[in-house]
C-alpha cells in the first residue's frame, strides 16, 4: 500500500486580501507597454493591507481549513509553513500560526523554503507523516505577500494571498491522494541573495527550461508511475505565475484548456507564489463533484515541480459550505492605486 492511499485533504481554506490594484496603474507609473497585462492575461493584483503579512493571511486561510476539517486544533501534530516572504528573517512563522489557532504546545512546527514550491513540499512531508502514523493531522500553509522590485515587470503578477490544507486520514477526507511524483534540478531561473530585498529572475529563462520543463517532467513521471492519461483527469491545476503559462503547459501535455480554467485564479489576482497552485486547488474543491479526479502540479524556482493525482470524495459536499469560498474573497474587493500599494508594501522609505 502506498503512503498516498492512507491520506487525503480533510479541510481546505484560502484568503485573498480585499485590496486590488488594476495593472494599468503599474503601466501608468512606470511607462510600460500598455499591452503587457493582456499578454500576461492578468487583470489586477491582490494587495495586502498595511496590517497584513504572510502570517496573518496564512492564519485566516488555516482557520478556514480547520473549520472545514472539523477537527480539534490540539489534534494537529504538525504545522508546516511555506513562504518566500516570512516577516522574520530568524523566527519561525509556523509557531505564530500554531499558537494563534490553539494548536501548541504538543506539535511539530517549522517553516519550509523552495520558492513557490515550499507549500507543496509540505504536502509531500504531510503525506509521509500521516501515513506513517507519526501524526494524525498535519496543517499545511502556503502564504506570500508581493515580492517585486519596483519598476520590474514582476510587479504585474506578484500578488498576495494564502491557502491552507489539513492533511489527515483518507477515511475523513474530502479528497484523497492517489499518487504523487517530484521532479527537481538545479536551474537558477529566479533567486534572491541574502540582504537583497527583492528577487531577480532570468526573464524568458523562467519559462523554459524552468517552468515548462519541470512541470512536464513531473506530470509525465506521475502518469508513467500510475498508468493514468490526460483524459482521466477532470481538472488540471498548474502553478500560475501568469495567466498564459498554465494554458501553454496544458497544451504541451495534451490536456484540454477547459480542464484548466476552473482552477485559474491568476487572470484575476496575479501570482501569490506559495498559494498560487494551491488556491487553484481550493477553488476547484469549492466546486468539484464527488468522483472528480484532479491533477495538481505546483512549481518552485530553483527548480522543481510536484505532481499529484487527487480524487474528490462525497465528504466534499458536507464540508465546502463551512467556510468562505475562493469566489467569496474574489467578489469582495476595494480598488486601490499605486500609491496605496507602495505605502502598504513599504516601498517608500522615510528618512529621519
C-alpha atoms as a PDB file:
ATOM      1  CA  UNK A   1       0.000   0.000   0.000  1.00  0.00           C
ATOM      2  CA  UNK A   2       1.327   3.454  -0.961  1.00  0.00           C
ATOM      3  CA  UNK A   3       1.505   6.307   1.618  1.00  0.00           C
ATOM      4  CA  UNK A   4      -0.919   8.283  -0.562  1.00  0.00           C
ATOM      5  CA  UNK A   5      -3.564   5.564  -0.165  1.00  0.00           C
ATOM      6  CA  UNK A   6      -3.822   6.376   3.551  1.00  0.00           C
ATOM      7  CA  UNK A   7      -4.072  10.156   3.312  1.00  0.00           C
ATOM      8  CA  UNK A   8      -6.249  12.954   1.989  1.00  0.00           C
ATOM      9  CA  UNK A   9      -7.353  16.563   2.335  1.00  0.00           C
ATOM     10  CA  UNK A  10      -9.623  16.739   5.363  1.00  0.00           C
ATOM     11  CA  UNK A  11     -10.073  20.517   5.204  1.00  0.00           C
ATOM     12  CA  UNK A  12      -9.074  23.389   2.919  1.00  0.00           C
ATOM     13  CA  UNK A  13      -9.293  27.173   3.015  1.00  0.00           C
ATOM     14  CA  UNK A  14      -7.959  30.297   1.344  1.00  0.00           C
ATOM     15  CA  UNK A  15      -7.657  34.009   1.962  1.00  0.00           C
ATOM     16  CA  UNK A  16      -7.340  36.867  -0.534  1.00  0.00           C
ATOM     17  CA  UNK A  17      -6.963  40.499   0.611  1.00  0.00           C
ATOM     18  CA  UNK A  18      -9.805  42.779  -0.405  1.00  0.00           C
ATOM     19  CA  UNK A  19      -7.480  45.416  -1.927  1.00  0.00           C
ATOM     20  CA  UNK A  20      -6.954  45.116  -5.710  1.00  0.00           C
ATOM     21  CA  UNK A  21      -4.764  47.226  -7.942  1.00  0.00           C
ATOM     22  CA  UNK A  22      -5.525  47.352 -11.682  1.00  0.00           C
ATOM     23  CA  UNK A  23      -2.401  46.580 -13.692  1.00  0.00           C
ATOM     24  CA  UNK A  24      -2.984  49.769 -15.660  1.00  0.00           C
ATOM     25  CA  UNK A  25      -1.635  51.550 -12.557  1.00  0.00           C
ATOM     26  CA  UNK A  26       1.756  49.867 -12.995  1.00  0.00           C
ATOM     27  CA  UNK A  27       1.774  50.796 -16.679  1.00  0.00           C
ATOM     28  CA  UNK A  28       0.899  54.402 -15.788  1.00  0.00           C
ATOM     29  CA  UNK A  29       3.615  54.773 -13.155  1.00  0.00           C
ATOM     30  CA  UNK A  30       6.474  53.005 -14.939  1.00  0.00           C
ATOM     31  CA  UNK A  31       5.593  53.652 -18.581  1.00  0.00           C
ATOM     32  CA  UNK A  32       5.407  50.016 -19.619  1.00  0.00           C
ATOM     33  CA  UNK A  33       3.797  48.795 -22.825  1.00  0.00           C
ATOM     34  CA  UNK A  34       0.010  49.066 -22.249  1.00  0.00           C
ATOM     35  CA  UNK A  35      -0.362  45.658 -23.943  1.00  0.00           C
ATOM     36  CA  UNK A  36       1.777  43.918 -21.284  1.00  0.00           C
ATOM     37  CA  UNK A  37      -1.113  42.948 -18.952  1.00  0.00           C
ATOM     38  CA  UNK A  38      -3.061  41.495 -21.875  1.00  0.00           C
ATOM     39  CA  UNK A  39      -0.019  39.478 -22.954  1.00  0.00           C
ATOM     40  CA  UNK A  40       0.261  38.062 -19.414  1.00  0.00           C
ATOM     41  CA  UNK A  41      -3.514  37.518 -19.177  1.00  0.00           C
ATOM     42  CA  UNK A  42      -3.694  39.203 -15.769  1.00  0.00           C
ATOM     43  CA  UNK A  43      -6.213  41.942 -14.977  1.00  0.00           C
ATOM     44  CA  UNK A  44      -5.387  43.064 -11.450  1.00  0.00           C
ATOM     45  CA  UNK A  45      -3.342  42.037  -8.428  1.00  0.00           C
ATOM     46  CA  UNK A  46      -4.375  41.472  -4.829  1.00  0.00           C
ATOM     47  CA  UNK A  47      -2.555  43.779  -2.404  1.00  0.00           C
ATOM     48  CA  UNK A  48      -2.023  43.043   1.270  1.00  0.00           C
ATOM     49  CA  UNK A  49      -3.168  45.826   3.599  1.00  0.00           C
ATOM     50  CA  UNK A  50      -0.966  47.853   5.957  1.00  0.00           C
ATOM     51  CA  UNK A  51      -1.520  45.375   8.787  1.00  0.00           C
ATOM     52  CA  UNK A  52      -1.313  42.164   6.714  1.00  0.00           C
ATOM     53  CA  UNK A  53       1.631  39.879   6.134  1.00  0.00           C
ATOM     54  CA  UNK A  54       2.253  36.231   5.275  1.00  0.00           C
ATOM     55  CA  UNK A  55       1.449  35.180   8.851  1.00  0.00           C
ATOM     56  CA  UNK A  56      -1.882  36.991   9.185  1.00  0.00           C
ATOM     57  CA  UNK A  57      -3.047  35.827   5.762  1.00  0.00           C
ATOM     58  CA  UNK A  58      -1.893  32.290   6.494  1.00  0.00           C
ATOM     59  CA  UNK A  59      -3.741  32.322   9.811  1.00  0.00           C
ATOM     60  CA  UNK A  60      -7.090  33.146   8.165  1.00  0.00           C
ATOM     61  CA  UNK A  61      -6.608  30.531   5.452  1.00  0.00           C
ATOM     62  CA  UNK A  62      -5.717  27.968   8.134  1.00  0.00           C
ATOM     63  CA  UNK A  63      -8.753  28.931  10.211  1.00  0.00           C
ATOM     64  CA  UNK A  64     -10.973  28.266   7.178  1.00  0.00           C
ATOM     65  CA  UNK A  65      -9.268  24.910   6.621  1.00  0.00           C
ATOM     66  CA  UNK A  66      -9.823  23.912  10.256  1.00  0.00           C
ATOM     67  CA  UNK A  67     -13.497  24.881  10.025  1.00  0.00           C
ATOM     68  CA  UNK A  68     -13.941  22.547   7.075  1.00  0.00           C
ATOM     69  CA  UNK A  69     -11.873  19.797   8.671  1.00  0.00           C
ATOM     70  CA  UNK A  70     -13.927  19.922  11.866  1.00  0.00           C
ATOM     71  CA  UNK A  71     -11.030  18.653  13.979  1.00  0.00           C
ATOM     72  CA  UNK A  72      -9.809  19.744  17.398  1.00  0.00           C
ATOM     73  CA  UNK A  73      -6.755  22.013  16.857  1.00  0.00           C
ATOM     74  CA  UNK A  74      -4.946  20.052  19.586  1.00  0.00           C
ATOM     75  CA  UNK A  75      -5.008  17.028  17.258  1.00  0.00           C
ATOM     76  CA  UNK A  76      -2.850  18.826  14.676  1.00  0.00           C
ATOM     77  CA  UNK A  77       0.510  17.114  15.084  1.00  0.00           C
ATOM     78  CA  UNK A  78       2.487  19.255  12.645  1.00  0.00           C
ATOM     79  CA  UNK A  79       2.282  22.773  11.178  1.00  0.00           C
ATOM     80  CA  UNK A  80       4.310  23.367   8.017  1.00  0.00           C
ATOM     81  CA  UNK A  81       4.525  26.945   6.687  1.00  0.00           C
ATOM     82  CA  UNK A  82       5.722  27.569   3.124  1.00  0.00           C
ATOM     83  CA  UNK A  83       6.571  31.115   2.082  1.00  0.00           C
ATOM     84  CA  UNK A  84       9.031  33.380   0.277  1.00  0.00           C
ATOM     85  CA  UNK A  85       8.054  36.417   2.338  1.00  0.00           C
ATOM     86  CA  UNK A  86       8.243  35.459   6.009  1.00  0.00           C
ATOM     87  CA  UNK A  87       8.044  38.532   8.274  1.00  0.00           C
ATOM     88  CA  UNK A  88      11.059  37.454  10.351  1.00  0.00           C
ATOM     89  CA  UNK A  89      14.465  36.537   8.957  1.00  0.00           C
ATOM     90  CA  UNK A  90      15.109  34.489  12.094  1.00  0.00           C
ATOM     91  CA  UNK A  91      11.960  33.332  13.904  1.00  0.00           C
ATOM     92  CA  UNK A  92       9.539  30.709  12.658  1.00  0.00           C
ATOM     93  CA  UNK A  93       6.183  31.823  11.316  1.00  0.00           C
ATOM     94  CA  UNK A  94       4.690  28.341  11.821  1.00  0.00           C
ATOM     95  CA  UNK A  95       4.809  28.718  15.612  1.00  0.00           C
ATOM     96  CA  UNK A  96       2.915  32.019  15.480  1.00  0.00           C
ATOM     97  CA  UNK A  97       0.110  30.469  13.437  1.00  0.00           C
ATOM     98  CA  UNK A  98       0.058  27.345  15.599  1.00  0.00           C
ATOM     99  CA  UNK A  99      -0.205  29.420  18.774  1.00  0.00           C
ATOM    100  CA  UNK A 100      -2.933  31.676  17.362  1.00  0.00           C
ATOM    101  CA  UNK A 101      -5.020  28.658  16.340  1.00  0.00           C
ATOM    102  CA  UNK A 102      -4.662  26.897  19.708  1.00  0.00           C
ATOM    103  CA  UNK A 103      -2.542  24.066  18.299  1.00  0.00           C
ATOM    104  CA  UNK A 104       0.502  24.471  20.586  1.00  0.00           C
ATOM    105  CA  UNK A 105       2.400  23.184  22.502  1.00  0.00           C
ATOM    106  CA  UNK A 106       2.301  19.483  21.593  1.00  0.00           C
ATOM    107  CA  UNK A 107       3.020  19.788  17.877  1.00  0.00           C
ATOM    108  CA  UNK A 108       5.846  19.991  15.361  1.00  0.00           C
ATOM    109  CA  UNK A 109       6.190  23.324  13.577  1.00  0.00           C
ATOM    110  CA  UNK A 110       8.606  24.612  11.007  1.00  0.00           C
ATOM    111  CA  UNK A 111       8.984  26.970   8.032  1.00  0.00           C
ATOM    112  CA  UNK A 112       9.877  25.467   4.667  1.00  0.00           C
ATOM    113  CA  UNK A 113      11.625  27.000   1.683  1.00  0.00           C
ATOM    114  CA  UNK A 114      11.664  26.076  -2.015  1.00  0.00           C
ATOM    115  CA  UNK A 115      10.496  29.248  -3.738  1.00  0.00           C
ATOM    116  CA  UNK A 116       6.847  28.789  -4.834  1.00  0.00           C
ATOM    117  CA  UNK A 117       7.026  25.039  -4.165  1.00  0.00           C
ATOM    118  CA  UNK A 118       7.585  25.253  -0.389  1.00  0.00           C
ATOM    119  CA  UNK A 119       3.925  24.586   0.496  1.00  0.00           C
ATOM    120  CA  UNK A 120       3.794  21.693  -1.973  1.00  0.00           C
ATOM    121  CA  UNK A 121       6.922  20.309  -0.346  1.00  0.00           C
ATOM    122  CA  UNK A 122       4.927  20.483   2.904  1.00  0.00           C
ATOM    123  CA  UNK A 123       2.153  18.403   1.332  1.00  0.00           C
ATOM    124  CA  UNK A 124       4.589  15.619   0.470  1.00  0.00           C
ATOM    125  CA  UNK A 125       6.021  15.712   4.004  1.00  0.00           C
ATOM    126  CA  UNK A 126       2.491  15.639   5.429  1.00  0.00           C
ATOM    127  CA  UNK A 127       1.534  12.597   3.360  1.00  0.00           C
ATOM    128  CA  UNK A 128       4.517  10.728   4.781  1.00  0.00           C
ATOM    129  CA  UNK A 129       3.893  11.942   8.343  1.00  0.00           C
ATOM    130  CA  UNK A 130       0.224  10.961   8.368  1.00  0.00           C
ATOM    131  CA  UNK A 131       0.685   7.655   6.535  1.00  0.00           C
ATOM    132  CA  UNK A 132       3.460   6.585   8.913  1.00  0.00           C
ATOM    133  CA  UNK A 133       1.307   7.319  11.952  1.00  0.00           C
ATOM    134  CA  UNK A 134       3.724   9.961  13.215  1.00  0.00           C
ATOM    135  CA  UNK A 135       0.825  12.453  13.332  1.00  0.00           C
ATOM    136  CA  UNK A 136      -2.920  12.126  12.805  1.00  0.00           C
ATOM    137  CA  UNK A 137      -3.336  15.517  11.120  1.00  0.00           C
ATOM    138  CA  UNK A 138      -0.886  17.984   9.589  1.00  0.00           C
ATOM    139  CA  UNK A 139      -1.602  21.610   8.708  1.00  0.00           C
ATOM    140  CA  UNK A 140      -0.011  22.937   5.508  1.00  0.00           C
ATOM    141  CA  UNK A 141       0.000  26.702   4.956  1.00  0.00           C
ATOM    142  CA  UNK A 142       1.198  28.475   1.807  1.00  0.00           C
ATOM    143  CA  UNK A 143       1.211  32.269   2.099  1.00  0.00           C
ATOM    144  CA  UNK A 144       3.021  35.137   0.410  1.00  0.00           C
ATOM    145  CA  UNK A 145       2.909  38.890   0.026  1.00  0.00           C
ATOM    146  CA  UNK A 146       4.026  40.579  -3.201  1.00  0.00           C
ATOM    147  CA  UNK A 147       7.797  40.403  -3.684  1.00  0.00           C
ATOM    148  CA  UNK A 148       8.778  42.505  -6.682  1.00  0.00           C
ATOM    149  CA  UNK A 149      11.338  45.209  -7.317  1.00  0.00           C
ATOM    150  CA  UNK A 150       9.517  48.496  -8.138  1.00  0.00           C
ATOM    151  CA  UNK A 151       9.612  49.000 -11.893  1.00  0.00           C
ATOM    152  CA  UNK A 152      10.302  45.314 -12.601  1.00  0.00           C
ATOM    153  CA  UNK A 153       7.870  43.506 -14.898  1.00  0.00           C
ATOM    154  CA  UNK A 154       7.353  41.066 -11.998  1.00  0.00           C
ATOM    155  CA  UNK A 155       5.233  43.768 -10.362  1.00  0.00           C
ATOM    156  CA  UNK A 156       2.450  42.911 -12.780  1.00  0.00           C
ATOM    157  CA  UNK A 157       1.954  39.420 -11.410  1.00  0.00           C
ATOM    158  CA  UNK A 158       3.400  39.259  -7.859  1.00  0.00           C
ATOM    159  CA  UNK A 159       0.422  39.473  -5.516  1.00  0.00           C
ATOM    160  CA  UNK A 160      -0.715  38.465  -2.009  1.00  0.00           C
ATOM    161  CA  UNK A 161      -2.859  35.532  -0.831  1.00  0.00           C
ATOM    162  CA  UNK A 162      -2.813  32.354   1.269  1.00  0.00           C
ATOM    163  CA  UNK A 163      -4.145  28.791   1.183  1.00  0.00           C
ATOM    164  CA  UNK A 164      -4.121  26.070   3.831  1.00  0.00           C
ATOM    165  CA  UNK A 165      -4.836  22.334   3.856  1.00  0.00           C
ATOM    166  CA  UNK A 166      -5.453  19.930   6.716  1.00  0.00           C
ATOM    167  CA  UNK A 167      -3.962  16.586   5.691  1.00  0.00           C
ATOM    168  CA  UNK A 168      -5.300  13.560   7.539  1.00  0.00           C
ATOM    169  CA  UNK A 169      -6.665  10.010   7.217  1.00  0.00           C
ATOM    170  CA  UNK A 170      -8.236   9.148   3.863  1.00  0.00           C
ATOM    171  CA  UNK A 171     -11.360   7.913   5.669  1.00  0.00           C
ATOM    172  CA  UNK A 172     -12.152  11.508   6.697  1.00  0.00           C
ATOM    173  CA  UNK A 173     -11.028  13.254   3.531  1.00  0.00           C
ATOM    174  CA  UNK A 174     -12.928  15.469   1.121  1.00  0.00           C
ATOM    175  CA  UNK A 175     -10.335  14.449  -1.465  1.00  0.00           C
ATOM    176  CA  UNK A 176      -7.863  11.580  -1.298  1.00  0.00           C
ATOM    177  CA  UNK A 177      -4.351  11.416  -2.672  1.00  0.00           C
ATOM    178  CA  UNK A 178      -3.986   8.748  -5.330  1.00  0.00           C
ATOM    179  CA  UNK A 179      -0.312   9.240  -6.227  1.00  0.00           C
ATOM    180  CA  UNK A 180       2.474  11.829  -6.256  1.00  0.00           C
ATOM    181  CA  UNK A 181       5.746  12.412  -8.088  1.00  0.00           C
ATOM    182  CA  UNK A 182       8.533  15.000  -7.774  1.00  0.00           C
ATOM    183  CA  UNK A 183      10.964  16.286 -10.424  1.00  0.00           C
ATOM    184  CA  UNK A 184      13.829  18.628  -9.398  1.00  0.00           C
ATOM    185  CA  UNK A 185      17.044  20.020 -10.919  1.00  0.00           C
ATOM    186  CA  UNK A 186      19.427  22.876 -10.172  1.00  0.00           C
ATOM    187  CA  UNK A 187      18.022  25.506 -12.544  1.00  0.00           C
ATOM    188  CA  UNK A 188      18.704  29.109 -11.412  1.00  0.00           C
ATOM    189  CA  UNK A 189      15.751  30.856 -13.032  1.00  0.00           C
ATOM    190  CA  UNK A 190      14.722  33.005 -10.048  1.00  0.00           C
ATOM    191  CA  UNK A 191      16.657  33.865  -6.895  1.00  0.00           C
ATOM    192  CA  UNK A 192      17.218  36.338  -4.063  1.00  0.00           C
ATOM    193  CA  UNK A 193      20.515  36.594  -2.223  1.00  0.00           C
ATOM    194  CA  UNK A 194      20.840  37.409   1.471  1.00  0.00           C
ATOM    195  CA  UNK A 195      20.177  41.065   2.403  1.00  0.00           C
ATOM    196  CA  UNK A 196      18.651  41.757  -1.029  1.00  0.00           C
ATOM    197  CA  UNK A 197      15.028  42.934  -0.653  1.00  0.00           C
ATOM    198  CA  UNK A 198      13.663  41.746  -3.997  1.00  0.00           C
ATOM    199  CA  UNK A 199      14.172  38.647  -6.150  1.00  0.00           C
ATOM    200  CA  UNK A 200      15.854  38.609  -9.536  1.00  0.00           C
ATOM    201  CA  UNK A 201      14.759  36.456 -12.437  1.00  0.00           C
ATOM    202  CA  UNK A 202      16.011  35.171 -15.757  1.00  0.00           C
ATOM    203  CA  UNK A 203      13.103  36.667 -17.714  1.00  0.00           C
ATOM    204  CA  UNK A 204      12.304  34.252 -20.603  1.00  0.00           C
ATOM    205  CA  UNK A 205      14.573  31.650 -18.968  1.00  0.00           C
ATOM    206  CA  UNK A 206      11.936  31.265 -16.235  1.00  0.00           C
ATOM    207  CA  UNK A 207       9.591  29.664 -18.758  1.00  0.00           C
ATOM    208  CA  UNK A 208      11.905  27.204 -20.490  1.00  0.00           C
ATOM    209  CA  UNK A 209      13.916  25.388 -19.157  1.00  0.00           C
ATOM    210  CA  UNK A 210      12.416  26.135 -15.742  1.00  0.00           C
ATOM    211  CA  UNK A 211       8.606  26.196 -15.508  1.00  0.00           C
ATOM    212  CA  UNK A 212       7.669  24.100 -18.545  1.00  0.00           C
ATOM    213  CA  UNK A 213      10.447  21.535 -18.283  1.00  0.00           C
ATOM    214  CA  UNK A 214       9.830  20.748 -14.619  1.00  0.00           C
ATOM    215  CA  UNK A 215       6.027  20.626 -14.704  1.00  0.00           C
ATOM    216  CA  UNK A 216       6.041  18.467 -17.832  1.00  0.00           C
ATOM    217  CA  UNK A 217       8.672  16.217 -16.226  1.00  0.00           C
ATOM    218  CA  UNK A 218       6.653  15.837 -13.014  1.00  0.00           C
ATOM    219  CA  UNK A 219       3.319  15.216 -14.746  1.00  0.00           C
ATOM    220  CA  UNK A 220       4.782  12.700 -17.189  1.00  0.00           C
ATOM    221  CA  UNK A 221       6.521  10.967 -14.292  1.00  0.00           C
ATOM    222  CA  UNK A 222       3.214  10.744 -12.425  1.00  0.00           C
ATOM    223  CA  UNK A 223       1.437   9.290 -15.446  1.00  0.00           C
ATOM    224  CA  UNK A 224       4.170   6.739 -16.091  1.00  0.00           C
ATOM    225  CA  UNK A 225       4.060   5.748 -12.430  1.00  0.00           C
ATOM    226  CA  UNK A 226       0.280   5.339 -12.321  1.00  0.00           C
ATOM    227  CA  UNK A 227      -0.734   4.496 -15.888  1.00  0.00           C
ATOM    228  CA  UNK A 228      -3.093   7.485 -15.874  1.00  0.00           C
ATOM    229  CA  UNK A 229      -3.669   9.518 -19.029  1.00  0.00           C
ATOM    230  CA  UNK A 230      -4.652  13.185 -19.577  1.00  0.00           C
ATOM    231  CA  UNK A 231      -8.194  12.055 -20.370  1.00  0.00           C
ATOM    232  CA  UNK A 232      -8.505  10.503 -16.890  1.00  0.00           C
ATOM    233  CA  UNK A 233      -8.455  13.932 -15.213  1.00  0.00           C
ATOM    234  CA  UNK A 234     -11.447  16.231 -14.837  1.00  0.00           C
ATOM    235  CA  UNK A 235      -9.366  19.205 -13.654  1.00  0.00           C
ATOM    236  CA  UNK A 236      -5.758  20.276 -14.141  1.00  0.00           C
ATOM    237  CA  UNK A 237      -4.176  22.872 -11.847  1.00  0.00           C
ATOM    238  CA  UNK A 238      -0.692  24.206 -12.526  1.00  0.00           C
ATOM    239  CA  UNK A 239       1.461  26.871 -10.896  1.00  0.00           C
ATOM    240  CA  UNK A 240       0.109  30.231 -12.036  1.00  0.00           C
ATOM    241  CA  UNK A 241       2.914  32.818 -12.495  1.00  0.00           C
ATOM    242  CA  UNK A 242       0.644  34.472 -15.069  1.00  0.00           C
ATOM    243  CA  UNK A 243      -2.482  33.565 -16.994  1.00  0.00           C
ATOM    244  CA  UNK A 244      -0.702  32.201 -20.067  1.00  0.00           C
ATOM    245  CA  UNK A 245       1.756  29.617 -18.696  1.00  0.00           C
ATOM    246  CA  UNK A 246      -0.840  27.170 -17.265  1.00  0.00           C
ATOM    247  CA  UNK A 247      -2.660  27.104 -20.601  1.00  0.00           C
ATOM    248  CA  UNK A 248       0.600  26.597 -22.514  1.00  0.00           C
ATOM    249  CA  UNK A 249       1.780  23.719 -20.330  1.00  0.00           C
ATOM    250  CA  UNK A 250      -1.654  22.076 -20.586  1.00  0.00           C
ATOM    251  CA  UNK A 251      -1.356  22.087 -24.373  1.00  0.00           C
ATOM    252  CA  UNK A 252       2.137  20.595 -24.102  1.00  0.00           C
ATOM    253  CA  UNK A 253       0.606  17.746 -22.075  1.00  0.00           C
ATOM    254  CA  UNK A 254      -2.428  17.304 -24.378  1.00  0.00           C
ATOM    255  CA  UNK A 255      -4.789  18.443 -21.621  1.00  0.00           C
ATOM    256  CA  UNK A 256      -7.849  20.427 -22.830  1.00  0.00           C
ATOM    257  CA  UNK A 257      -7.819  24.060 -21.703  1.00  0.00           C
ATOM    258  CA  UNK A 258     -11.372  23.627 -20.383  1.00  0.00           C
ATOM    259  CA  UNK A 259      -9.980  21.412 -17.616  1.00  0.00           C
ATOM    260  CA  UNK A 260      -7.534  24.147 -16.588  1.00  0.00           C
ATOM    261  CA  UNK A 261      -9.880  27.132 -16.472  1.00  0.00           C
ATOM    262  CA  UNK A 262     -11.900  26.225 -13.320  1.00  0.00           C
ATOM    263  CA  UNK A 263      -8.734  26.383 -11.215  1.00  0.00           C
ATOM    264  CA  UNK A 264      -7.331  29.578 -12.731  1.00  0.00           C
ATOM    265  CA  UNK A 265      -7.128  32.476 -10.304  1.00  0.00           C
ATOM    266  CA  UNK A 266      -4.096  34.228 -11.787  1.00  0.00           C
ATOM    267  CA  UNK A 267      -6.001  36.164 -14.500  1.00  0.00           C
ATOM    268  CA  UNK A 268      -7.868  37.892 -11.678  1.00  0.00           C
ATOM    269  CA  UNK A 269      -5.366  38.470  -8.878  1.00  0.00           C
ATOM    270  CA  UNK A 270      -1.839  37.737 -10.104  1.00  0.00           C
ATOM    271  CA  UNK A 271       0.633  35.189  -8.727  1.00  0.00           C
ATOM    272  CA  UNK A 272       0.595  34.689  -4.965  1.00  0.00           C
ATOM    273  CA  UNK A 273       3.700  32.462  -5.005  1.00  0.00           C
ATOM    274  CA  UNK A 274       3.185  29.636  -2.466  1.00  0.00           C
ATOM    275  CA  UNK A 275      -0.582  29.989  -2.675  1.00  0.00           C
ATOM    276  CA  UNK A 276      -0.611  30.031  -6.479  1.00  0.00           C
ATOM    277  CA  UNK A 277      -1.447  26.419  -7.400  1.00  0.00           C
ATOM    278  CA  UNK A 278      -2.989  25.670  -4.002  1.00  0.00           C
ATOM    279  CA  UNK A 279      -5.513  28.477  -4.300  1.00  0.00           C
ATOM    280  CA  UNK A 280      -6.495  26.924  -7.624  1.00  0.00           C
ATOM    281  CA  UNK A 281      -6.966  23.605  -5.813  1.00  0.00           C
ATOM    282  CA  UNK A 282      -9.026  25.361  -3.141  1.00  0.00           C
ATOM    283  CA  UNK A 283     -11.220  26.911  -5.844  1.00  0.00           C
ATOM    284  CA  UNK A 284     -11.788  23.534  -7.506  1.00  0.00           C
ATOM    285  CA  UNK A 285     -12.622  21.820  -4.199  1.00  0.00           C
ATOM    286  CA  UNK A 286     -15.193  24.562  -3.640  1.00  0.00           C
ATOM    287  CA  UNK A 287     -16.988  23.392  -6.796  1.00  0.00           C
ATOM    288  CA  UNK A 288     -15.968  19.846  -7.838  1.00  0.00           C
ATOM    289  CA  UNK A 289     -18.339  16.902  -7.776  1.00  0.00           C
ATOM    290  CA  UNK A 290     -17.538  13.686  -5.898  1.00  0.00           C
ATOM    291  CA  UNK A 291     -15.591  11.278  -8.055  1.00  0.00           C
ATOM    292  CA  UNK A 292     -13.733  14.033  -9.928  1.00  0.00           C
ATOM    293  CA  UNK A 293     -10.016  13.428 -10.446  1.00  0.00           C
ATOM    294  CA  UNK A 294      -7.705  16.436 -10.105  1.00  0.00           C
ATOM    295  CA  UNK A 295      -4.193  16.851 -11.487  1.00  0.00           C
ATOM    296  CA  UNK A 296      -2.236  19.287  -9.290  1.00  0.00           C
ATOM    297  CA  UNK A 297       1.257  20.409 -10.344  1.00  0.00           C
ATOM    298  CA  UNK A 298       2.877  23.233  -8.333  1.00  0.00           C
ATOM    299  CA  UNK A 299       6.289  24.596  -9.363  1.00  0.00           C
ATOM    300  CA  UNK A 300       9.114  26.272  -7.477  1.00  0.00           C
ATOM    301  CA  UNK A 301      12.036  28.157  -8.988  1.00  0.00           C
ATOM    302  CA  UNK A 302      15.463  26.788  -8.419  1.00  0.00           C
ATOM    303  CA  UNK A 303      13.832  24.448  -9.570  1.00  0.00           C
ATOM    304  CA  UNK A 304      11.294  21.687  -9.051  1.00  0.00           C
ATOM    305  CA  UNK A 305       7.728  20.538  -9.512  1.00  0.00           C
ATOM    306  CA  UNK A 306       5.414  18.061  -7.809  1.00  0.00           C
ATOM    307  CA  UNK A 307       2.517  16.295  -9.495  1.00  0.00           C
ATOM    308  CA  UNK A 308      -0.422  14.833  -7.593  1.00  0.00           C
ATOM    309  CA  UNK A 309      -3.445  12.798  -8.586  1.00  0.00           C
ATOM    310  CA  UNK A 310      -6.305  13.674  -6.220  1.00  0.00           C
ATOM    311  CA  UNK A 311      -9.800  12.142  -6.202  1.00  0.00           C
ATOM    312  CA  UNK A 312     -12.758  14.032  -4.695  1.00  0.00           C
ATOM    313  CA  UNK A 313     -14.990  12.119  -2.250  1.00  0.00           C
ATOM    314  CA  UNK A 314     -18.606  12.531  -1.110  1.00  0.00           C
ATOM    315  CA  UNK A 315     -17.408  14.324   2.038  1.00  0.00           C
ATOM    316  CA  UNK A 316     -16.591  17.419  -0.009  1.00  0.00           C
ATOM    317  CA  UNK A 317     -20.316  18.252  -0.118  1.00  0.00           C
ATOM    318  CA  UNK A 318     -20.725  18.456   3.660  1.00  0.00           C
ATOM    319  CA  UNK A 319     -17.532  20.459   4.168  1.00  0.00           C
ATOM    320  CA  UNK A 320     -17.438  23.140   1.478  1.00  0.00           C
ATOM    321  CA  UNK A 321     -20.059  25.498   2.965  1.00  0.00           C
ATOM    322  CA  UNK A 322     -18.436  25.614   6.409  1.00  0.00           C
ATOM    323  CA  UNK A 323     -16.033  28.431   5.413  1.00  0.00           C
ATOM    324  CA  UNK A 324     -15.789  31.218   2.809  1.00  0.00           C
ATOM    325  CA  UNK A 325     -15.025  30.050  -0.727  1.00  0.00           C
ATOM    326  CA  UNK A 326     -12.407  31.485  -3.070  1.00  0.00           C
ATOM    327  CA  UNK A 327     -15.131  33.223  -5.107  1.00  0.00           C
ATOM    328  CA  UNK A 328     -16.344  34.923  -1.915  1.00  0.00           C
ATOM    329  CA  UNK A 329     -12.940  36.512  -1.441  1.00  0.00           C
ATOM    330  CA  UNK A 330     -12.653  37.388  -5.130  1.00  0.00           C
ATOM    331  CA  UNK A 331     -16.028  39.132  -5.136  1.00  0.00           C
ATOM    332  CA  UNK A 332     -15.316  41.424  -2.170  1.00  0.00           C
ATOM    333  CA  UNK A 333     -12.776  43.968  -3.302  1.00  0.00           C
ATOM    334  CA  UNK A 334     -11.718  47.572  -2.987  1.00  0.00           C
ATOM    335  CA  UNK A 335      -9.769  49.119  -5.854  1.00  0.00           C
ATOM    336  CA  UNK A 336      -6.559  50.949  -4.863  1.00  0.00           C
ATOM    337  CA  UNK A 337      -3.916  52.900  -6.743  1.00  0.00           C
ATOM    338  CA  UNK A 338      -0.134  52.536  -6.931  1.00  0.00           C
ATOM    339  CA  UNK A 339       0.373  54.978  -4.077  1.00  0.00           C
ATOM    340  CA  UNK A 340      -1.607  52.727  -1.721  1.00  0.00           C
ATOM    341  CA  UNK A 341       0.323  49.698  -2.949  1.00  0.00           C
ATOM    342  CA  UNK A 342       3.689  51.443  -2.489  1.00  0.00           C
ATOM    343  CA  UNK A 343       2.819  52.512   1.027  1.00  0.00           C
ATOM    344  CA  UNK A 344       1.273  49.214   2.139  1.00  0.00           C
ATOM    345  CA  UNK A 345       4.228  47.208   0.800  1.00  0.00           C
ATOM    346  CA  UNK A 346       6.689  49.661   2.378  1.00  0.00           C
ATOM    347  CA  UNK A 347       8.244  50.568  -0.970  1.00  0.00           C
ATOM    348  CA  UNK A 348       8.651  54.175   0.200  1.00  0.00           C
ATOM    349  CA  UNK A 349      11.361  54.614   2.841  1.00  0.00           C
ATOM    350  CA  UNK A 350      11.198  57.538   5.220  1.00  0.00           C
ATOM    351  CA  UNK A 351      14.479  59.062   6.417  1.00  0.00           C
ATOM    352  CA  UNK A 352      14.646  60.891   9.716  1.00  0.00           C
END
